[in-house]
Amino acid sequence: QVQLVESGGGSVQSGGSLRVSCLHTKFTASPYSMAWFRQSPGKEREGVAAIDNLGRTMYAHSVGGRFTISHDNIEDTLYLQMNNLQPEDTAMYYCAARVGGTWALGLRSSFFPVWGQGIQVTVSS
């Protein structure tokens, strides 16, 4: 049973940086892909960035050039480095995983059956 635990959220001023992490139980199957999603009150959950076991990445247009997703295979941790944060980036951030089965890399929540509990990121102007 894959489990995901996010950490590293918090509050930052506009233009600042944060890195959120997602520690997961070791994957015992491949391929796998992981992703970060976010959701703010009154809005639908939005895919932010995704990565697969070969290191291929995908980003939402709204964060391209500012956010970087990475995965440490030794530490079993997914990261999202967020730079030049803006107030519209304020949201609950969730990590998600898809392990085994057919390969998929995308920003659709339906691709990912396993989710973390979420962590808050707040950006003030």
PDB file of N, CA and C in Angstrom:
ATOM      1  N   GLN A   1       0.843  -1.184   0.000  1.00  0.00           N
ATOM      2  CA  GLN A   1       0.000   0.000   0.000  1.00  0.00           C
ATOM      3  C   GLN A   1       0.886   1.245   0.000  1.00  0.00           C
ATOM      4  N   VAL A   2       0.807   2.019  -1.091  1.00  0.00           N
ATOM      5  CA  VAL A   2       1.600   3.243  -1.193  1.00  0.00           C
ATOM      6  C   VAL A   2       0.998   4.303  -0.290  1.00  0.00           C
ATOM      7  N   GLN A   3       1.876   4.964   0.465  1.00  0.00           N
ATOM      8  CA  GLN A   3       1.443   6.070   1.298  1.00  0.00           C
ATOM      9  C   GLN A   3       2.288   7.299   0.993  1.00  0.00           C
ATOM     10  N   LEU A   4       1.673   8.476   1.048  1.00  0.00           N
ATOM     11  CA  LEU A   4       2.323   9.738   0.709  1.00  0.00           C
ATOM     12  C   LEU A   4       2.134  10.715   1.859  1.00  0.00           C
ATOM     13  N   VAL A   5       3.211  11.405   2.235  1.00  0.00           N
ATOM     14  CA  VAL A   5       3.135  12.394   3.310  1.00  0.00           C
ATOM     15  C   VAL A   5       3.850  13.667   2.866  1.00  0.00           C
ATOM     16  N   GLU A   6       3.086  14.749   2.739  1.00  0.00           N
ATOM     17  CA  GLU A   6       3.644  16.027   2.314  1.00  0.00           C
ATOM     18  C   GLU A   6       4.222  16.784   3.509  1.00  0.00           C
ATOM     19  N   SER A   7       5.195  17.641   3.226  1.00  0.00           N
ATOM     20  CA  SER A   7       5.769  18.523   4.240  1.00  0.00           C
ATOM     21  C   SER A   7       6.365  19.738   3.546  1.00  0.00           C
ATOM     22  N   GLY A   8       6.659  20.773   4.337  1.00  0.00           N
ATOM     23  CA  GLY A   8       7.399  21.916   3.809  1.00  0.00           C
ATOM     24  C   GLY A   8       6.580  23.108   3.382  1.00  0.00           C
ATOM     25  N   GLY A   9       5.276  23.062   3.548  1.00  0.00           N
ATOM     26  CA  GLY A   9       4.467  24.208   3.176  1.00  0.00           C
ATOM     27  C   GLY A   9       4.677  25.356   4.147  1.00  0.00           C
ATOM     28  N   GLY A  10       3.903  26.421   3.966  1.00  0.00           N
ATOM     29  CA  GLY A  10       4.009  27.554   4.867  1.00  0.00           C
ATOM     30  C   GLY A  10       3.587  28.833   4.191  1.00  0.00           C
ATOM     31  N   SER A  11       4.043  29.943   4.757  1.00  0.00           N
ATOM     32  CA  SER A  11       3.677  31.258   4.249  1.00  0.00           C
ATOM     33  C   SER A  11       4.912  31.981   3.738  1.00  0.00           C
ATOM     34  N   VAL A  12       4.740  32.733   2.662  1.00  0.00           N
ATOM     35  CA  VAL A  12       5.844  33.471   2.067  1.00  0.00           C
ATOM     36  C   VAL A  12       5.272  34.716   1.394  1.00  0.00           C
ATOM     37  N   GLN A  13       6.108  35.721   1.257  1.00  0.00           N
ATOM     38  CA  GLN A  13       5.666  36.922   0.560  1.00  0.00           C
ATOM     39  C   GLN A  13       5.815  36.751  -0.942  1.00  0.00           C
ATOM     40  N   SER A  14       5.069  37.563  -1.677  1.00  0.00           N
ATOM     41  CA  SER A  14       5.109  37.537  -3.136  1.00  0.00           C
ATOM     42  C   SER A  14       6.551  37.684  -3.626  1.00  0.00           C
ATOM     43  N   GLY A  15       6.923  36.839  -4.573  1.00  0.00           N
ATOM     44  CA  GLY A  15       8.281  36.827  -5.099  1.00  0.00           C
ATOM     45  C   GLY A  15       9.208  35.871  -4.394  1.00  0.00           C
ATOM     46  N   GLY A  16       8.760  35.306  -3.283  1.00  0.00           N
ATOM     47  CA  GLY A  16       9.582  34.391  -2.513  1.00  0.00           C
ATOM     48  C   GLY A  16       9.554  32.970  -3.056  1.00  0.00           C
ATOM     49  N   SER A  17      10.234  32.052  -2.353  1.00  0.00           N
ATOM     50  CA  SER A  17      10.353  30.659  -2.765  1.00  0.00           C
ATOM     51  C   SER A  17       9.998  29.721  -1.627  1.00  0.00           C
ATOM     52  N   LEU A  18       9.510  28.562  -1.985  1.00  0.00           N
ATOM     53  CA  LEU A  18       9.246  27.482  -1.045  1.00  0.00           C
ATOM     54  C   LEU A  18       9.519  26.163  -1.754  1.00  0.00           C
ATOM     55  N   ARG A  19       9.860  25.149  -0.975  1.00  0.00           N
ATOM     56  CA  ARG A  19       9.946  23.798  -1.516  1.00  0.00           C
ATOM     57  C   ARG A  19       9.075  22.887  -0.673  1.00  0.00           C
ATOM     58  N   VAL A  20       8.172  22.191  -1.331  1.00  0.00           N
ATOM     59  CA  VAL A  20       7.347  21.193  -0.654  1.00  0.00           C
ATOM     60  C   VAL A  20       7.862  19.803  -1.014  1.00  0.00           C
ATOM     61  N   SER A  21       7.733  18.880  -0.073  1.00  0.00           N
ATOM     62  CA  SER A  21       8.242  17.529  -0.232  1.00  0.00           C
ATOM     63  C   SER A  21       7.119  16.521  -0.016  1.00  0.00           C
ATOM     64  N   CYS A  22       7.292  15.358  -0.587  1.00  0.00           N
ATOM     65  CA  CYS A  22       6.324  14.271  -0.429  1.00  0.00           C
ATOM     66  C   CYS A  22       7.103  12.972  -0.253  1.00  0.00           C
ATOM     67  N   LEU A  23       7.167  12.513   0.990  1.00  0.00           N
ATOM     68  CA  LEU A  23       7.847  11.255   1.301  1.00  0.00           C
ATOM     69  C   LEU A  23       6.879  10.117   1.027  1.00  0.00           C
ATOM     70  N   HIS A  24       7.360   9.083   0.337  1.00  0.00           N
ATOM     71  CA  HIS A  24       6.458   7.970   0.036  1.00  0.00           C
ATOM     72  C   HIS A  24       7.081   6.645   0.398  1.00  0.00           C
ATOM     73  N   THR A  25       6.226   5.665   0.601  1.00  0.00           N
ATOM     74  CA  THR A  25       6.690   4.297   0.804  1.00  0.00           C
ATOM     75  C   THR A  25       7.353   3.828  -0.486  1.00  0.00           C
ATOM     76  N   LYS A  26       8.330   2.939  -0.342  1.00  0.00           N
ATOM     77  CA  LYS A  26       9.104   2.524  -1.506  1.00  0.00           C
ATOM     78  C   LYS A  26       8.213   1.855  -2.550  1.00  0.00           C
ATOM     79  N   PHE A  27       8.418   2.271  -3.796  1.00  0.00           N
ATOM     80  CA  PHE A  27       7.659   1.673  -4.885  1.00  0.00           C
ATOM     81  C   PHE A  27       8.232   0.299  -5.214  1.00  0.00           C
ATOM     82  N   THR A  28       7.355  -0.669  -5.403  1.00  0.00           N
ATOM     83  CA  THR A  28       7.793  -2.034  -5.728  1.00  0.00           C
ATOM     84  C   THR A  28       7.373  -2.449  -7.122  1.00  0.00           C
ATOM     85  N   ALA A  29       6.898  -1.495  -7.911  1.00  0.00           N
ATOM     86  CA  ALA A  29       6.475  -1.794  -9.276  1.00  0.00           C
ATOM     87  C   ALA A  29       6.806  -0.604 -10.165  1.00  0.00           C
ATOM     88  N   SER A  30       6.830  -0.845 -11.439  1.00  0.00           N
ATOM     89  CA  SER A  30       7.004   0.219 -12.428  1.00  0.00           C
ATOM     90  C   SER A  30       6.175  -0.116 -13.650  1.00  0.00           C
ATOM     91  N   PRO A  31       5.890   0.869 -14.534  1.00  0.00           N
ATOM     92  CA  PRO A  31       6.336   2.241 -14.373  1.00  0.00           C
ATOM     93  C   PRO A  31       5.582   2.950 -13.257  1.00  0.00           C
ATOM     94  N   TYR A  32       6.067   4.130 -12.906  1.00  0.00           N
ATOM     95  CA  TYR A  32       5.334   4.953 -11.967  1.00  0.00           C
ATOM     96  C   TYR A  32       5.417   6.406 -12.395  1.00  0.00           C
ATOM     97  N   SER A  33       4.475   7.163 -11.961  1.00  0.00           N
ATOM     98  CA  SER A  33       4.498   8.601 -12.162  1.00  0.00           C
ATOM     99  C   SER A  33       3.935   9.262 -10.916  1.00  0.00           C
ATOM    100  N   MET A  34       4.373  10.473 -10.688  1.00  0.00           N
ATOM    101  CA  MET A  34       3.918  11.243  -9.537  1.00  0.00           C
ATOM    102  C   MET A  34       3.610  12.657  -9.987  1.00  0.00           C
ATOM    103  N   ALA A  35       2.831  13.349  -9.185  1.00  0.00           N
ATOM    104  CA  ALA A  35       2.427  14.688  -9.574  1.00  0.00           C
ATOM    105  C   ALA A  35       2.087  15.529  -8.354  1.00  0.00           C
ATOM    106  N   TRP A  36       2.097  16.822  -8.578  1.00  0.00           N
ATOM    107  CA  TRP A  36       1.597  17.785  -7.604  1.00  0.00           C
ATOM    108  C   TRP A  36       0.333  18.433  -8.160  1.00  0.00           C
ATOM    109  N   PHE A  37      -0.679  18.516  -7.298  1.00  0.00           N
ATOM    110  CA  PHE A  37      -1.908  19.220  -7.611  1.00  0.00           C
ATOM    111  C   PHE A  37      -2.122  20.303  -6.561  1.00  0.00           C
ATOM    112  N   ARG A  38      -2.998  21.223  -6.853  1.00  0.00           N
ATOM    113  CA  ARG A  38      -3.340  22.239  -5.860  1.00  0.00           C
ATOM    114  C   ARG A  38      -4.819  22.586  -5.981  1.00  0.00           C
ATOM    115  N   GLN A  39      -5.358  23.043  -4.853  1.00  0.00           N
ATOM    116  CA  GLN A  39      -6.757  23.437  -4.834  1.00  0.00           C
ATOM    117  C   GLN A  39      -6.935  24.575  -3.840  1.00  0.00           C
ATOM    118  N   SER A  40      -7.566  25.633  -4.289  1.00  0.00           N
ATOM    119  CA  SER A  40      -7.899  26.748  -3.418  1.00  0.00           C
ATOM    120  C   SER A  40      -9.414  26.800  -3.257  1.00  0.00           C
ATOM    121  N   PRO A  41      -9.904  27.449  -2.205  1.00  0.00           N
ATOM    122  CA  PRO A  41     -11.345  27.464  -1.924  1.00  0.00           C
ATOM    123  C   PRO A  41     -12.156  27.950  -3.106  1.00  0.00           C
ATOM    124  N   GLY A  42     -13.180  27.202  -3.445  1.00  0.00           N
ATOM    125  CA  GLY A  42     -14.077  27.591  -4.519  1.00  0.00           C
ATOM    126  C   GLY A  42     -13.583  27.261  -5.912  1.00  0.00           C
ATOM    127  N   LYS A  43     -12.404  26.650  -5.997  1.00  0.00           N
ATOM    128  CA  LYS A  43     -11.849  26.311  -7.310  1.00  0.00           C
ATOM    129  C   LYS A  43     -11.661  24.810  -7.437  1.00  0.00           C
ATOM    130  N   GLU A  44     -11.610  24.341  -8.681  1.00  0.00           N
ATOM    131  CA  GLU A  44     -11.366  22.924  -8.928  1.00  0.00           C
ATOM    132  C   GLU A  44      -9.896  22.594  -8.681  1.00  0.00           C
ATOM    133  N   ARG A  45      -9.645  21.313  -8.373  1.00  0.00           N
ATOM    134  CA  ARG A  45      -8.271  20.873  -8.215  1.00  0.00           C
ATOM    135  C   ARG A  45      -7.538  20.996  -9.547  1.00  0.00           C
ATOM    136  N   GLU A  46      -6.322  21.528  -9.494  1.00  0.00           N
ATOM    137  CA  GLU A  46      -5.541  21.831 -10.696  1.00  0.00           C
ATOM    138  C   GLU A  46      -4.232  21.066 -10.674  1.00  0.00           C
ATOM    139  N   GLY A  47      -3.909  20.394 -11.762  1.00  0.00           N
ATOM    140  CA  GLY A  47      -2.615  19.748 -11.872  1.00  0.00           C
ATOM    141  C   GLY A  47      -1.531  20.779 -12.077  1.00  0.00           C
ATOM    142  N   VAL A  48      -0.433  20.662 -11.337  1.00  0.00           N
ATOM    143  CA  VAL A  48       0.648  21.641 -11.385  1.00  0.00           C
ATOM    144  C   VAL A  48       1.857  21.100 -12.135  1.00  0.00           C
ATOM    145  N   ALA A  49       2.299  19.897 -11.775  1.00  0.00           N
ATOM    146  CA  ALA A  49       3.483  19.322 -12.396  1.00  0.00           C
ATOM    147  C   ALA A  49       3.464  17.820 -12.196  1.00  0.00           C
ATOM    148  N   ALA A  50       4.060  17.094 -13.132  1.00  0.00           N
ATOM    149  CA  ALA A  50       4.114  15.640 -13.053  1.00  0.00           C
ATOM    150  C   ALA A  50       5.474  15.153 -13.515  1.00  0.00           C
ATOM    151  N   ILE A  51       5.857  13.944 -13.036  1.00  0.00           N
ATOM    152  CA  ILE A  51       7.134  13.352 -13.411  1.00  0.00           C
ATOM    153  C   ILE A  51       6.966  11.842 -13.456  1.00  0.00           C
ATOM    154  N   ASP A  52       7.671  11.186 -14.379  1.00  0.00           N
ATOM    155  CA  ASP A  52       7.578   9.724 -14.420  1.00  0.00           C
ATOM    156  C   ASP A  52       8.909   9.101 -13.998  1.00  0.00           C
ATOM    157  N   ASN A  53       8.973   7.763 -14.027  1.00  0.00           N
ATOM    158  CA  ASN A  53      10.148   7.075 -13.514  1.00  0.00           C
ATOM    159  C   ASN A  53      11.375   7.255 -14.400  1.00  0.00           C
ATOM    160  N   LEU A  54      11.194   7.793 -15.599  1.00  0.00           N
ATOM    161  CA  LEU A  54      12.336   8.090 -16.468  1.00  0.00           C
ATOM    162  C   LEU A  54      12.749   9.552 -16.378  1.00  0.00           C
ATOM    163  N   GLY A  55      12.101  10.302 -15.511  1.00  0.00           N
ATOM    164  CA  GLY A  55      12.464  11.699 -15.306  1.00  0.00           C
ATOM    165  C   GLY A  55      11.803  12.677 -16.246  1.00  0.00           C
ATOM    166  N   ARG A  56      10.904  12.178 -17.062  1.00  0.00           N
ATOM    167  CA  ARG A  56      10.175  13.094 -17.953  1.00  0.00           C
ATOM    168  C   ARG A  56       9.199  13.909 -17.118  1.00  0.00           C
ATOM    169  N   THR A  57       9.060  15.178 -17.459  1.00  0.00           N
ATOM    170  CA  THR A  57       8.233  16.082 -16.671  1.00  0.00           C
ATOM    171  C   THR A  57       7.191  16.787 -17.530  1.00  0.00           C
ATOM    172  N   MET A  58       6.193  17.290 -16.828  1.00  0.00           N
ATOM    173  CA  MET A  58       5.126  18.054 -17.467  1.00  0.00           C
ATOM    174  C   MET A  58       4.689  19.123 -16.484  1.00  0.00           C
ATOM    175  N   TYR A  59       4.384  20.327 -17.003  1.00  0.00           N
ATOM    176  CA  TYR A  59       4.004  21.438 -16.141  1.00  0.00           C
ATOM    177  C   TYR A  59       2.739  22.112 -16.658  1.00  0.00           C
ATOM    178  N   ALA A  60       1.965  22.633 -15.726  1.00  0.00           N
ATOM    179  CA  ALA A  60       0.849  23.488 -16.110  1.00  0.00           C
ATOM    180  C   ALA A  60       1.402  24.796 -16.653  1.00  0.00           C
ATOM    181  N   HIS A  61       0.700  25.372 -17.596  1.00  0.00           N
ATOM    182  CA  HIS A  61       1.163  26.621 -18.211  1.00  0.00           C
ATOM    183  C   HIS A  61       1.346  27.714 -17.161  1.00  0.00           C
ATOM    184  N   SER A  62       0.496  27.695 -16.144  1.00  0.00           N
ATOM    185  CA  SER A  62       0.506  28.771 -15.146  1.00  0.00           C
ATOM    186  C   SER A  62       1.762  28.777 -14.278  1.00  0.00           C
ATOM    187  N   VAL A  63       2.505  27.664 -14.242  1.00  0.00           N
ATOM    188  CA  VAL A  63       3.682  27.599 -13.361  1.00  0.00           C
ATOM    189  C   VAL A  63       4.972  27.351 -14.121  1.00  0.00           C
ATOM    190  N   GLY A  64       4.887  27.144 -15.416  1.00  0.00           N
ATOM    191  CA  GLY A  64       6.077  26.878 -16.209  1.00  0.00           C
ATOM    192  C   GLY A  64       7.123  27.956 -16.049  1.00  0.00           C
ATOM    193  N   GLY A  65       8.382  27.539 -15.823  1.00  0.00           N
ATOM    194  CA  GLY A  65       9.476  28.478 -15.643  1.00  0.00           C
ATOM    195  C   GLY A  65       9.654  28.932 -14.214  1.00  0.00           C
ATOM    196  N   ARG A  66       8.652  28.701 -13.346  1.00  0.00           N
ATOM    197  CA  ARG A  66       8.760  29.107 -11.941  1.00  0.00           C
ATOM    198  C   ARG A  66       8.869  27.905 -11.012  1.00  0.00           C
ATOM    199  N   PHE A  67       8.213  26.808 -11.358  1.00  0.00           N
ATOM    200  CA  PHE A  67       8.184  25.606 -10.518  1.00  0.00           C
ATOM    201  C   PHE A  67       9.012  24.506 -11.160  1.00  0.00           C
ATOM    202  N   THR A  68       9.651  23.696 -10.316  1.00  0.00           N
ATOM    203  CA  THR A  68      10.421  22.547 -10.796  1.00  0.00           C
ATOM    204  C   THR A  68      10.066  21.318  -9.977  1.00  0.00           C
ATOM    205  N   ILE A  69       9.652  20.256 -10.651  1.00  0.00           N
ATOM    206  CA  ILE A  69       9.354  18.994  -9.984  1.00  0.00           C
ATOM    207  C   ILE A  69      10.562  18.075 -10.118  1.00  0.00           C
ATOM    208  N   SER A  70      10.848  17.331  -9.048  1.00  0.00           N
ATOM    209  CA  SER A  70      11.948  16.371  -9.092  1.00  0.00           C
ATOM    210  C   SER A  70      11.631  15.225  -8.161  1.00  0.00           C
ATOM    211  N   HIS A  71      12.350  14.123  -8.376  1.00  0.00           N
ATOM    212  CA  HIS A  71      12.118  12.934  -7.551  1.00  0.00           C
ATOM    213  C   HIS A  71      13.449  12.324  -7.174  1.00  0.00           C
ATOM    214  N   ASP A  72      13.634  12.064  -5.903  1.00  0.00           N
ATOM    215  CA  ASP A  72      14.846  11.421  -5.397  1.00  0.00           C
ATOM    216  C   ASP A  72      14.538   9.948  -5.179  1.00  0.00           C
ATOM    217  N   ASN A  73      15.102   9.095  -6.042  1.00  0.00           N
ATOM    218  CA  ASN A  73      14.819   7.663  -5.980  1.00  0.00           C
ATOM    219  C   ASN A  73      15.435   6.999  -4.748  1.00  0.00           C
ATOM    220  N   ILE A  74      16.482   7.589  -4.204  1.00  0.00           N
ATOM    221  CA  ILE A  74      17.139   7.017  -3.025  1.00  0.00           C
ATOM    222  C   ILE A  74      16.363   7.370  -1.761  1.00  0.00           C
ATOM    223  N   GLU A  75      15.954   8.643  -1.680  1.00  0.00           N
ATOM    224  CA  GLU A  75      15.230   9.109  -0.503  1.00  0.00           C
ATOM    225  C   GLU A  75      13.730   8.870  -0.595  1.00  0.00           C
ATOM    226  N   ASP A  76      13.255   8.356  -1.759  1.00  0.00           N
ATOM    227  CA  ASP A  76      11.807   8.113  -1.954  1.00  0.00           C
ATOM    228  C   ASP A  76      11.008   9.368  -1.657  1.00  0.00           C
ATOM    229  N   THR A  77      11.433  10.469  -2.244  1.00  0.00           N
ATOM    230  CA  THR A  77      10.797  11.750  -1.976  1.00  0.00           C
ATOM    231  C   THR A  77      10.575  12.514  -3.272  1.00  0.00           C
ATOM    232  N   LEU A  78       9.395  13.056  -3.396  1.00  0.00           N
ATOM    233  CA  LEU A  78       9.033  13.941  -4.510  1.00  0.00           C
ATOM    234  C   LEU A  78       9.129  15.380  -4.014  1.00  0.00           C
ATOM    235  N   TYR A  79       9.670  16.240  -4.853  1.00  0.00           N
ATOM    236  CA  TYR A  79       9.823  17.642  -4.484  1.00  0.00           C
ATOM    237  C   TYR A  79       9.114  18.552  -5.487  1.00  0.00           C
ATOM    238  N   LEU A  80       8.740  19.729  -4.999  1.00  0.00           N
ATOM    239  CA  LEU A  80       8.283  20.794  -5.885  1.00  0.00           C
ATOM    240  C   LEU A  80       8.940  22.083  -5.400  1.00  0.00           C
ATOM    241  N   GLN A  81       9.907  22.551  -6.169  1.00  0.00           N
ATOM    242  CA  GLN A  81      10.558  23.826  -5.879  1.00  0.00           C
ATOM    243  C   GLN A  81       9.744  24.928  -6.537  1.00  0.00           C
ATOM    244  N   MET A  82       9.310  25.885  -5.736  1.00  0.00           N
ATOM    245  CA  MET A  82       8.451  26.951  -6.232  1.00  0.00           C
ATOM    246  C   MET A  82       9.153  28.291  -6.047  1.00  0.00           C
ATOM    247  N   ASN A  83       9.432  28.953  -7.151  1.00  0.00           N
ATOM    248  CA  ASN A  83      10.108  30.251  -7.134  1.00  0.00           C
ATOM    249  C   ASN A  83       9.175  31.342  -7.646  1.00  0.00           C
ATOM    250  N   ASN A  84       9.503  32.576  -7.303  1.00  0.00           N
ATOM    251  CA  ASN A  84       8.699  33.727  -7.725  1.00  0.00           C
ATOM    252  C   ASN A  84       7.213  33.480  -7.453  1.00  0.00           C
ATOM    253  N   LEU A  85       6.922  33.073  -6.234  1.00  0.00           N
ATOM    254  CA  LEU A  85       5.541  32.765  -5.869  1.00  0.00           C
ATOM    255  C   LEU A  85       4.679  34.015  -5.900  1.00  0.00           C
ATOM    256  N   GLN A  86       3.440  33.826  -6.313  1.00  0.00           N
ATOM    257  CA  GLN A  86       2.471  34.911  -6.409  1.00  0.00           C
ATOM    258  C   GLN A  86       1.240  34.575  -5.567  1.00  0.00           C
ATOM    259  N   PRO A  87       0.467  35.590  -5.181  1.00  0.00           N
ATOM    260  CA  PRO A  87      -0.726  35.307  -4.363  1.00  0.00           C
ATOM    261  C   PRO A  87      -1.664  34.274  -4.987  1.00  0.00           C
ATOM    262  N   GLU A  88      -1.726  34.216  -6.306  1.00  0.00           N
ATOM    263  CA  GLU A  88      -2.612  33.239  -6.946  1.00  0.00           C
ATOM    264  C   GLU A  88      -2.098  31.801  -6.823  1.00  0.00           C
ATOM    265  N   ASP A  89      -0.876  31.628  -6.305  1.00  0.00           N
ATOM    266  CA  ASP A  89      -0.355  30.289  -6.044  1.00  0.00           C
ATOM    267  C   ASP A  89      -0.816  29.762  -4.695  1.00  0.00           C
ATOM    268  N   THR A  90      -1.481  30.593  -3.913  1.00  0.00           N
ATOM    269  CA  THR A  90      -1.995  30.173  -2.616  1.00  0.00           C
ATOM    270  C   THR A  90      -3.007  29.051  -2.790  1.00  0.00           C
ATOM    271  N   ALA A  91      -2.780  27.940  -2.108  1.00  0.00           N
ATOM    272  CA  ALA A  91      -3.653  26.774  -2.253  1.00  0.00           C
ATOM    273  C   ALA A  91      -3.186  25.676  -1.309  1.00  0.00           C
ATOM    274  N   MET A  92      -4.000  24.633  -1.206  1.00  0.00           N
ATOM    275  CA  MET A  92      -3.581  23.390  -0.597  1.00  0.00           C
ATOM    276  C   MET A  92      -2.903  22.580  -1.703  1.00  0.00           C
ATOM    277  N   TYR A  93      -1.697  22.114  -1.422  1.00  0.00           N
ATOM    278  CA  TYR A  93      -0.940  21.352  -2.409  1.00  0.00           C
ATOM    279  C   TYR A  93      -0.953  19.873  -2.019  1.00  0.00           C
ATOM    280  N   TYR A  94      -1.231  19.026  -3.011  1.00  0.00           N
ATOM    281  CA  TYR A  94      -1.323  17.591  -2.803  1.00  0.00           C
ATOM    282  C   TYR A  94      -0.334  16.866  -3.712  1.00  0.00           C
ATOM    283  N   CYS A  95       0.319  15.827  -3.194  1.00  0.00           N
ATOM    284  CA  CYS A  95       1.067  14.964  -4.089  1.00  0.00           C
ATOM    285  C   CYS A  95       0.230  13.723  -4.382  1.00  0.00           C
ATOM    286  N   ALA A  96       0.491  13.135  -5.524  1.00  0.00           N
ATOM    287  CA  ALA A  96      -0.277  11.982  -5.985  1.00  0.00           C
ATOM    288  C   ALA A  96       0.654  11.017  -6.696  1.00  0.00           C
ATOM    289  N   ALA A  97       0.285   9.744  -6.699  1.00  0.00           N
ATOM    290  CA  ALA A  97       1.138   8.719  -7.301  1.00  0.00           C
ATOM    291  C   ALA A  97       0.324   7.695  -8.068  1.00  0.00           C
ATOM    292  N   ARG A  98       0.969   7.163  -9.105  1.00  0.00           N
ATOM    293  CA  ARG A  98       0.428   6.067  -9.904  1.00  0.00           C
ATOM    294  C   ARG A  98       1.560   5.065 -10.039  1.00  0.00           C
ATOM    295  N   VAL A  99       1.375   3.849  -9.537  1.00  0.00           N
ATOM    296  CA  VAL A  99       2.443   2.859  -9.496  1.00  0.00           C
ATOM    297  C   VAL A  99       1.994   1.584 -10.180  1.00  0.00           C
ATOM    298  N   GLY A 100       2.775   1.136 -11.160  1.00  0.00           N
ATOM    299  CA  GLY A 100       2.454  -0.079 -11.889  1.00  0.00           C
ATOM    300  C   GLY A 100       1.364   0.148 -12.916  1.00  0.00           C
ATOM    301  N   GLY A 101       0.961  -0.938 -13.560  1.00  0.00           N
ATOM    302  CA  GLY A 101      -0.098  -0.831 -14.558  1.00  0.00           C
ATOM    303  C   GLY A 101       0.402  -0.147 -15.807  1.00  0.00           C
ATOM    304  N   THR A 102      -0.467   0.508 -16.506  1.00  0.00           N
ATOM    305  CA  THR A 102      -0.092   1.206 -17.731  1.00  0.00           C
ATOM    306  C   THR A 102       0.562   2.538 -17.410  1.00  0.00           C
ATOM    307  N   TRP A 103       1.533   2.905 -18.245  1.00  0.00           N
ATOM    308  CA  TRP A 103       2.227   4.182 -18.059  1.00  0.00           C
ATOM    309  C   TRP A 103       1.283   5.338 -18.355  1.00  0.00           C
ATOM    310  N   ALA A 104       1.387   6.370 -17.565  1.00  0.00           N
ATOM    311  CA  ALA A 104       0.621   7.585 -17.824  1.00  0.00           C
ATOM    312  C   ALA A 104       1.372   8.756 -17.233  1.00  0.00           C
ATOM    313  N   LEU A 105       1.486   9.818 -17.971  1.00  0.00           N
ATOM    314  CA  LEU A 105       2.082  11.061 -17.468  1.00  0.00           C
ATOM    315  C   LEU A 105       1.162  12.192 -17.880  1.00  0.00           C
ATOM    316  N   GLY A 106       0.572  12.830 -16.917  1.00  0.00           N
ATOM    317  CA  GLY A 106      -0.351  13.903 -17.235  1.00  0.00           C
ATOM    318  C   GLY A 106      -0.768  14.631 -15.986  1.00  0.00           C
ATOM    319  N   LEU A 107      -1.645  15.598 -16.153  1.00  0.00           N
ATOM    320  CA  LEU A 107      -2.075  16.434 -15.047  1.00  0.00           C
ATOM    321  C   LEU A 107      -3.561  16.237 -14.747  1.00  0.00           C
ATOM    322  N   ARG A 108      -4.064  15.087 -15.115  1.00  0.00           N
ATOM    323  CA  ARG A 108      -5.447  14.751 -14.772  1.00  0.00           C
ATOM    324  C   ARG A 108      -5.467  14.018 -13.438  1.00  0.00           C
ATOM    325  N   SER A 109      -6.311  14.432 -12.545  1.00  0.00           N
ATOM    326  CA  SER A 109      -6.373  13.789 -11.245  1.00  0.00           C
ATOM    327  C   SER A 109      -6.789  12.328 -11.366  1.00  0.00           C
ATOM    328  N   SER A 110      -7.533  12.004 -12.405  1.00  0.00           N
ATOM    329  CA  SER A 110      -8.006  10.623 -12.580  1.00  0.00           C
ATOM    330  C   SER A 110      -6.868   9.649 -12.884  1.00  0.00           C
ATOM    331  N   PHE A 111      -5.683  10.168 -13.289  1.00  0.00           N
ATOM    332  CA  PHE A 111      -4.536   9.300 -13.545  1.00  0.00           C
ATOM    333  C   PHE A 111      -3.960   8.716 -12.257  1.00  0.00           C
ATOM    334  N   PHE A 112      -4.237   9.346 -11.133  1.00  0.00           N
ATOM    335  CA  PHE A 112      -3.511   9.033  -9.903  1.00  0.00           C
ATOM    336  C   PHE A 112      -4.460   8.473  -8.839  1.00  0.00           C
ATOM    337  N   PRO A 113      -4.263   7.215  -8.463  1.00  0.00           N
ATOM    338  CA  PRO A 113      -5.153   6.610  -7.471  1.00  0.00           C
ATOM    339  C   PRO A 113      -4.744   6.866  -6.023  1.00  0.00           C
ATOM    340  N   VAL A 114      -3.514   7.316  -5.788  1.00  0.00           N
ATOM    341  CA  VAL A 114      -3.030   7.484  -4.421  1.00  0.00           C
ATOM    342  C   VAL A 114      -2.727   8.963  -4.177  1.00  0.00           C
ATOM    343  N   TRP A 115      -3.184   9.473  -3.021  1.00  0.00           N
ATOM    344  CA  TRP A 115      -3.056  10.891  -2.717  1.00  0.00           C
ATOM    345  C   TRP A 115      -2.543  11.103  -1.298  1.00  0.00           C
ATOM    346  N   GLY A 116      -1.800  12.196  -1.126  1.00  0.00           N
ATOM    347  CA  GLY A 116      -1.419  12.617   0.207  1.00  0.00           C
ATOM    348  C   GLY A 116      -2.529  13.439   0.841  1.00  0.00           C
ATOM    349  N   GLN A 117      -2.276  13.873   2.079  1.00  0.00           N
ATOM    350  CA  GLN A 117      -3.302  14.594   2.824  1.00  0.00           C
ATOM    351  C   GLN A 117      -3.330  16.077   2.498  1.00  0.00           C
ATOM    352  N   GLY A 118      -2.297  16.577   1.829  1.00  0.00           N
ATOM    353  CA  GLY A 118      -2.256  17.974   1.442  1.00  0.00           C
ATOM    354  C   GLY A 118      -1.504  18.840   2.434  1.00  0.00           C
ATOM    355  N   ILE A 119      -0.969  19.953   1.921  1.00  0.00           N
ATOM    356  CA  ILE A 119      -0.249  20.891   2.760  1.00  0.00           C
ATOM    357  C   ILE A 119      -0.502  22.298   2.231  1.00  0.00           C
ATOM    358  N   GLN A 120      -0.659  23.251   3.155  1.00  0.00           N
ATOM    359  CA  GLN A 120      -1.039  24.600   2.778  1.00  0.00           C
ATOM    360  C   GLN A 120       0.171  25.436   2.378  1.00  0.00           C
ATOM    361  N   VAL A 121       0.014  26.163   1.271  1.00  0.00           N
ATOM    362  CA  VAL A 121       0.984  27.166   0.835  1.00  0.00           C
ATOM    363  C   VAL A 121       0.231  28.487   0.710  1.00  0.00           C
ATOM    364  N   THR A 122       0.722  29.505   1.406  1.00  0.00           N
ATOM    365  CA  THR A 122       0.060  30.813   1.391  1.00  0.00           C
ATOM    366  C   THR A 122       1.062  31.876   0.953  1.00  0.00           C
ATOM    367  N   VAL A 123       0.688  32.658  -0.049  1.00  0.00           N
ATOM    368  CA  VAL A 123       1.549  33.721  -0.573  1.00  0.00           C
ATOM    369  C   VAL A 123       0.839  35.048  -0.368  1.00  0.00           C
ATOM    370  N   SER A 124       1.482  35.944   0.345  1.00  0.00           N
ATOM    371  CA  SER A 124       0.894  37.247   0.618  1.00  0.00           C
ATOM    372  C   SER A 124       1.517  38.311  -0.283  1.00  0.00           C
ATOM    373  N   SER A 125       0.715  39.299  -0.627  1.00  0.00           N
ATOM    374  CA  SER A 125       1.195  40.357  -1.528  1.00  0.00           C
ATOM    375  C   SER A 125       1.898  41.460  -0.758  1.00  0.00           C
TER     376      SER A 125
END
